[in-house]
Amino acid sequence: EHVAPVQRMDMLNQVRNHLVQAALNLHGTRSVQKFIEVCGGSNGKRTPDLEQLNVLVECLSPFVTKLSMDTNGNHVVQRCLQHMPVDIVQFVYDAAIKDVLVITRHRHGCCVFQRCIDAANEKQRRALVTQVVNNAIQLMQDPFGNYVVQYVLDNSKKQEADALIMQLLGMLAQLSMQKFSSNVVEKCLLAAPAHVKEPMIKELANPETMRNLLHDQFANYVVQRALQVADDEQGMHLVASIRPHIADLGQFNPSCARRVTSRVIKRFPNLAKDPVFAAFWQNEGAV
């Protein structure tokens, strides 16, 4: 940090063949991060040294995916995003786009991908978001990829979020019955504009799949969320599809039947008089 640029270049040339190995090491990673920080200008304290940055890029660029998924190496990639000029750090975005299904579905890689979105210019951000939209179905079913999908929903433009939500149509029942994707379906129901929410709720209200949704440990929460966000007409379609299965649900999972009934009556208080719902509503009051 305190040596002359020519001396720093000498140091970099001496270790350049070992940079990746050092980046993967618990202690070596801090040294590599410091190289990136100083060569990148130390947050505006000095002018970025392009010659030194090019050496770093040459050494690191073939291994971005590997580094992104490593306990120590992922911090090196994030340091590149923080300290390298946007045109020079393009090698990180190229890897993130090329290996999106690998990086986003990894414990550390999913965090790196989100930081890429944060640091990107508009062109880079659009490219990243497009990859997530195009691979949304696979990602939302993954323990780590689903967080990337949710992050894009929360941090993208409306038209991009709408395009992502549209990907779910035709697969809502399947996605609702899986642990990770069910969370994404709920978020999409909350975020969907009216013209997208309507076909989503129509699909969820399908009488042929409603029984399976209600009996599923994850999908029943999706049904409850749909009741919450539906307009009155859509909500009554859901209720009409739910009603034939409440008694059956009550035999196998009484607590779930009470929760769903509570959601129905909270939304449509007049249905407390419906004998099918009333039994579970009264039971809930007695608990």
Protein backbone atom coordinates (compact mmCIF):
# COMPACT_ATOMS: atom_id res chain seq x y z
CA GLU A 1 0.00 0.00 0.00
CA HIS A 2 2.86 2.38 0.80
CA VAL A 3 5.43 1.35 -1.84
CA ALA A 4 6.03 3.06 -5.17
CA PRO A 5 4.01 1.78 -8.17
CA VAL A 6 7.08 0.19 -9.75
CA GLN A 7 7.80 -1.73 -6.57
CA ARG A 8 4.17 -2.84 -6.33
CA MET A 9 4.38 -4.07 -9.91
CA ASP A 10 7.49 -6.07 -9.03
CA MET A 11 5.64 -7.65 -6.10
CA LEU A 12 2.66 -8.46 -8.31
CA ASN A 13 4.84 -10.10 -10.95
CA GLN A 14 6.47 -12.26 -8.29
CA VAL A 15 3.15 -13.63 -7.03
CA ARG A 16 1.03 -13.54 -10.18
CA ASN A 17 1.27 -17.31 -10.72
CA HIS A 18 0.07 -17.92 -7.17
CA LEU A 19 -2.72 -15.35 -6.92
CA VAL A 20 -5.60 -17.79 -7.37
CA GLN A 21 -4.11 -20.26 -4.89
CA ALA A 22 -3.67 -17.40 -2.42
CA ALA A 23 -7.23 -16.15 -3.02
CA LEU A 24 -8.56 -19.55 -1.98
CA ASN A 25 -6.51 -19.56 1.21
CA LEU A 26 -7.85 -18.31 4.53
CA HIS A 27 -4.90 -15.96 5.03
CA GLY A 28 -3.82 -15.39 1.44
CA THR A 29 -7.22 -14.04 0.45
CA ARG A 30 -6.67 -10.90 2.52
CA SER A 31 -3.43 -10.15 0.66
CA VAL A 32 -5.09 -10.60 -2.73
CA GLN A 33 -7.96 -8.37 -1.65
CA LYS A 34 -5.47 -5.70 -0.59
CA PHE A 35 -3.74 -5.90 -4.00
CA ILE A 36 -7.13 -5.34 -5.69
CA GLU A 37 -8.02 -2.47 -3.39
CA VAL A 38 -4.72 -0.64 -3.81
CA CYS A 39 -4.36 -1.21 -7.55
CA GLY A 40 -7.96 -0.10 -7.98
CA GLY A 41 -7.27 3.25 -6.35
CA SER A 42 -8.22 2.62 -2.71
CA ASN A 43 -11.68 4.17 -3.00
CA GLY A 44 -10.48 7.28 -4.78
CA LYS A 45 -7.38 7.91 -2.69
CA ARG A 46 -5.16 7.36 -5.74
CA THR A 47 -5.51 6.87 -9.47
CA PRO A 48 -6.22 3.26 -10.48
CA ASP A 49 -3.13 1.58 -11.91
CA LEU A 50 -4.40 0.11 -15.16
CA GLU A 51 -1.25 -1.91 -15.84
CA GLN A 52 -1.46 -3.61 -12.47
CA LEU A 53 -5.21 -4.13 -12.78
CA ASN A 54 -4.70 -5.81 -16.14
CA VAL A 55 -2.29 -8.26 -14.50
CA LEU A 56 -4.87 -9.03 -11.83
CA VAL A 57 -7.59 -9.54 -14.42
CA GLU A 58 -5.36 -11.81 -16.48
CA CYS A 59 -4.69 -13.98 -13.43
CA LEU A 60 -8.20 -14.07 -11.98
CA SER A 61 -10.51 -14.05 -15.00
CA PRO A 62 -10.27 -17.79 -15.84
CA PHE A 63 -11.24 -18.67 -12.27
CA VAL A 64 -14.12 -16.32 -11.41
CA THR A 65 -16.67 -19.11 -11.09
CA LYS A 66 -14.40 -21.19 -8.87
CA LEU A 67 -13.56 -18.20 -6.71
CA SER A 68 -17.20 -17.16 -6.43
CA MET A 69 -18.13 -20.49 -4.88
CA ASP A 70 -15.25 -20.63 -2.42
CA THR A 71 -15.43 -19.58 1.22
CA ASN A 72 -12.41 -17.31 0.82
CA GLY A 73 -12.35 -16.70 -2.91
CA ASN A 74 -15.80 -15.15 -3.08
CA HIS A 75 -14.52 -12.16 -1.09
CA VAL A 76 -11.86 -11.58 -3.75
CA VAL A 77 -14.52 -11.43 -6.47
CA GLN A 78 -16.60 -9.04 -4.39
CA ARG A 79 -13.51 -6.87 -3.87
CA CYS A 80 -13.09 -6.70 -7.64
CA LEU A 81 -16.65 -5.41 -7.91
CA GLN A 82 -15.96 -2.80 -5.25
CA HIS A 83 -12.62 -1.46 -6.42
CA MET A 84 -12.12 -2.12 -10.13
CA PRO A 85 -13.41 0.37 -12.73
CA VAL A 86 -16.64 -0.81 -14.32
CA ASP A 87 -15.10 -1.51 -17.73
CA ILE A 88 -12.21 -3.51 -16.28
CA VAL A 89 -14.40 -5.65 -14.00
CA GLN A 90 -16.48 -6.82 -16.96
CA PHE A 91 -14.71 -10.21 -16.71
CA VAL A 92 -16.69 -10.90 -13.51
CA TYR A 93 -20.01 -10.16 -15.25
CA ASP A 94 -19.04 -12.32 -18.22
CA ALA A 95 -18.50 -15.28 -15.88
CA ALA A 96 -21.68 -14.60 -13.90
CA ILE A 97 -23.74 -14.55 -17.09
CA LYS A 98 -22.05 -17.59 -18.63
CA ASP A 99 -22.27 -19.72 -15.48
CA VAL A 100 -25.47 -18.28 -14.00
CA LEU A 101 -26.94 -21.69 -13.12
CA VAL A 102 -23.73 -22.73 -11.39
CA ILE A 103 -22.96 -19.57 -9.45
CA THR A 104 -26.49 -18.68 -8.33
CA ARG A 105 -27.19 -22.16 -6.99
CA HIS A 106 -24.25 -22.11 -4.60
CA ARG A 107 -24.17 -20.89 -1.01
CA HIS A 108 -21.48 -18.27 -1.67
CA GLY A 109 -22.08 -17.81 -5.36
CA CYS A 110 -25.64 -16.58 -4.88
CA CYS A 111 -24.30 -13.75 -2.72
CA VAL A 112 -21.67 -12.85 -5.32
CA PHE A 113 -24.36 -12.72 -8.02
CA GLN A 114 -26.46 -10.34 -5.94
CA ARG A 115 -23.45 -8.10 -5.39
CA CYS A 116 -22.90 -8.13 -9.16
CA ILE A 117 -26.41 -6.71 -9.59
CA ASP A 118 -25.68 -4.05 -6.98
CA ALA A 119 -22.43 -2.91 -8.61
CA ALA A 120 -23.48 -3.17 -12.26
CA ASN A 121 -24.01 -0.38 -14.74
CA GLU A 122 -27.33 -0.45 -16.58
CA LYS A 123 -26.12 -2.64 -19.45
CA GLN A 124 -24.55 -5.17 -17.08
CA ARG A 125 -27.59 -5.13 -14.80
CA ARG A 126 -29.97 -5.85 -17.68
CA ALA A 127 -27.84 -8.77 -18.82
CA LEU A 128 -27.82 -10.28 -15.32
CA VAL A 129 -31.56 -9.79 -14.80
CA THR A 130 -32.32 -11.30 -18.20
CA GLN A 131 -30.44 -14.44 -17.22
CA VAL A 132 -32.39 -14.73 -13.98
CA VAL A 133 -35.72 -14.22 -15.79
CA ASN A 134 -34.86 -16.81 -18.42
CA ASN A 135 -33.83 -19.37 -15.79
CA ALA A 136 -36.34 -18.40 -13.12
CA ILE A 137 -38.11 -21.76 -12.90
CA GLN A 138 -34.91 -23.68 -12.22
CA LEU A 139 -33.52 -21.08 -9.84
CA MET A 140 -36.60 -20.65 -7.67
CA GLN A 141 -36.63 -24.38 -6.87
CA ASP A 142 -33.07 -24.25 -5.55
CA PRO A 143 -32.09 -23.65 -1.89
CA PHE A 144 -29.87 -20.72 -2.90
CA GLY A 145 -31.10 -19.78 -6.36
CA ASN A 146 -34.50 -18.83 -4.97
CA TYR A 147 -32.88 -15.98 -3.05
CA VAL A 148 -31.48 -14.59 -6.30
CA VAL A 149 -34.94 -14.68 -7.89
CA GLN A 150 -36.43 -12.90 -4.88
CA TYR A 151 -33.62 -10.34 -4.98
CA VAL A 152 -34.36 -9.57 -8.62
CA LEU A 153 -38.07 -9.23 -7.83
CA ASP A 154 -37.22 -6.69 -5.14
CA ASN A 155 -34.55 -4.77 -7.05
CA SER A 156 -35.49 -4.74 -10.71
CA LYS A 157 -37.67 -2.51 -12.85
CA LYS A 158 -41.39 -3.19 -12.96
CA GLN A 159 -41.34 -4.59 -16.50
CA GLU A 160 -38.51 -6.95 -15.57
CA ALA A 161 -40.30 -8.15 -12.44
CA ASP A 162 -43.49 -8.66 -14.45
CA ALA A 163 -41.60 -10.72 -17.05
CA LEU A 164 -40.17 -12.88 -14.27
CA ILE A 165 -43.59 -13.45 -12.69
CA MET A 166 -45.04 -14.44 -16.07
CA GLN A 167 -42.58 -17.32 -16.19
CA LEU A 168 -44.56 -19.04 -13.42
CA LEU A 169 -47.80 -19.34 -15.36
CA GLY A 170 -48.63 -22.93 -16.20
CA MET A 171 -46.45 -24.29 -13.37
CA LEU A 172 -47.96 -22.68 -10.28
CA ALA A 173 -49.29 -25.89 -8.71
CA GLN A 174 -45.94 -27.67 -9.08
CA LEU A 175 -43.96 -24.69 -7.82
CA SER A 176 -46.33 -24.10 -4.90
CA MET A 177 -45.73 -27.61 -3.60
CA GLN A 178 -41.96 -27.21 -3.33
CA LYS A 179 -40.28 -25.71 -0.28
CA PHE A 180 -38.17 -23.02 -1.90
CA SER A 181 -40.25 -22.09 -4.92
CA SER A 182 -43.41 -21.77 -2.79
CA ASN A 183 -41.82 -18.75 -1.10
CA VAL A 184 -41.18 -17.20 -4.50
CA VAL A 185 -44.77 -17.88 -5.61
CA GLU A 186 -46.05 -16.02 -2.54
CA LYS A 187 -43.78 -13.08 -3.27
CA CYS A 188 -44.92 -13.05 -6.89
CA LEU A 189 -48.57 -12.98 -5.82
CA LEU A 190 -47.80 -9.93 -3.71
CA ALA A 191 -45.84 -8.20 -6.48
CA ALA A 192 -47.92 -9.12 -9.53
CA PRO A 193 -49.86 -6.39 -11.32
CA ALA A 194 -53.58 -6.97 -11.78
CA HIS A 195 -53.31 -8.29 -15.35
CA VAL A 196 -50.80 -10.94 -14.24
CA LYS A 197 -52.38 -11.73 -10.88
CA GLU A 198 -55.68 -12.66 -12.53
CA PRO A 199 -54.37 -15.67 -14.51
CA MET A 200 -52.21 -16.71 -11.53
CA ILE A 201 -55.20 -16.92 -9.20
CA LYS A 202 -57.33 -18.56 -11.90
CA GLU A 203 -54.67 -21.24 -12.22
CA LEU A 204 -54.43 -21.74 -8.46
CA ALA A 205 -58.23 -21.97 -8.20
CA ASN A 206 -58.35 -24.91 -10.60
CA PRO A 207 -60.65 -27.48 -8.90
CA GLU A 208 -58.54 -30.34 -10.25
CA THR A 209 -55.45 -29.26 -8.29
CA MET A 210 -56.94 -27.51 -5.25
CA ARG A 211 -57.12 -30.63 -3.09
CA ASN A 212 -53.43 -31.31 -3.57
CA LEU A 213 -52.58 -27.68 -2.83
CA LEU A 214 -54.57 -27.65 0.40
CA HIS A 215 -53.05 -30.90 1.64
CA ASP A 216 -49.50 -29.84 0.83
CA GLN A 217 -47.37 -28.44 3.66
CA PHE A 218 -46.12 -25.56 1.50
CA ALA A 219 -48.85 -24.98 -1.07
CA ASN A 220 -51.59 -24.38 1.52
CA TYR A 221 -49.77 -21.18 2.46
CA VAL A 222 -49.76 -20.16 -1.21
CA VAL A 223 -53.56 -20.65 -1.30
CA GLN A 224 -53.88 -18.50 1.83
CA ARG A 225 -51.73 -15.81 0.24
CA ALA A 226 -53.84 -15.92 -2.90
CA LEU A 227 -56.96 -15.35 -0.78
CA GLN A 228 -55.25 -12.35 0.76
CA VAL A 229 -54.30 -10.62 -2.50
CA ALA A 230 -57.25 -11.60 -4.72
CA ASP A 231 -59.99 -9.16 -5.56
CA ASP A 232 -63.51 -10.12 -4.49
CA GLU A 233 -64.40 -11.98 -7.68
CA GLN A 234 -61.12 -13.89 -7.73
CA GLY A 235 -61.43 -14.60 -4.02
CA MET A 236 -64.85 -16.18 -4.46
CA HIS A 237 -63.47 -18.38 -7.24
CA LEU A 238 -60.85 -19.58 -4.79
CA VAL A 239 -63.45 -20.16 -2.08
CA ALA A 240 -65.63 -22.16 -4.48
CA SER A 241 -62.66 -24.37 -5.23
CA ILE A 242 -61.60 -24.69 -1.57
CA ARG A 243 -65.01 -25.44 -0.07
CA PRO A 244 -65.46 -29.04 -1.33
CA HIS A 245 -62.15 -30.06 0.29
CA ILE A 246 -62.32 -28.42 3.73
CA ALA A 247 -64.01 -31.35 5.49
CA ASP A 248 -61.52 -33.80 4.00
CA LEU A 249 -58.63 -31.51 4.95
CA GLY A 250 -60.02 -31.30 8.48
CA GLN A 251 -59.76 -35.07 8.89
CA PHE A 252 -56.10 -35.21 7.89
CA ASN A 253 -54.84 -31.82 9.07
CA PRO A 254 -57.29 -30.02 11.37
CA SER A 255 -54.93 -27.13 12.15
CA CYS A 256 -54.45 -26.42 8.45
CA ALA A 257 -58.20 -26.57 7.89
CA ARG A 258 -58.68 -24.02 10.67
CA ARG A 259 -56.02 -21.72 9.21
CA VAL A 260 -57.52 -21.81 5.74
CA THR A 261 -61.03 -21.33 7.13
CA SER A 262 -59.82 -18.39 9.19
CA ARG A 263 -58.35 -16.81 6.06
CA VAL A 264 -61.58 -17.38 4.12
CA ILE A 265 -63.80 -15.87 6.81
CA LYS A 266 -61.42 -13.00 7.47
CA ARG A 267 -61.72 -12.12 3.80
CA PHE A 268 -65.46 -12.90 3.51
CA PRO A 269 -67.05 -12.60 7.00
CA ASN A 270 -70.49 -13.64 5.74
CA LEU A 271 -69.12 -17.14 5.10
CA ALA A 272 -68.95 -17.72 8.86
CA LYS A 273 -72.57 -18.84 8.45
CA ASP A 274 -71.67 -21.41 5.81
CA PRO A 275 -71.97 -24.81 7.59
CA VAL A 276 -68.85 -26.19 5.89
CA PHE A 277 -66.66 -23.36 7.12
CA ALA A 278 -68.60 -22.75 10.34
CA ALA A 279 -67.54 -26.04 11.90
CA PHE A 280 -63.85 -25.17 11.68
CA TRP A 281 -64.43 -21.53 12.51
CA GLN A 282 -66.24 -22.59 15.71
CA ASN A 283 -63.49 -25.09 16.50
CA GLU A 284 -60.91 -22.33 16.15
CA GLY A 285 -62.88 -20.16 18.55
CA ALA A 286 -62.93 -22.96 21.07
CA VAL A 287 -59.16 -23.50 20.98
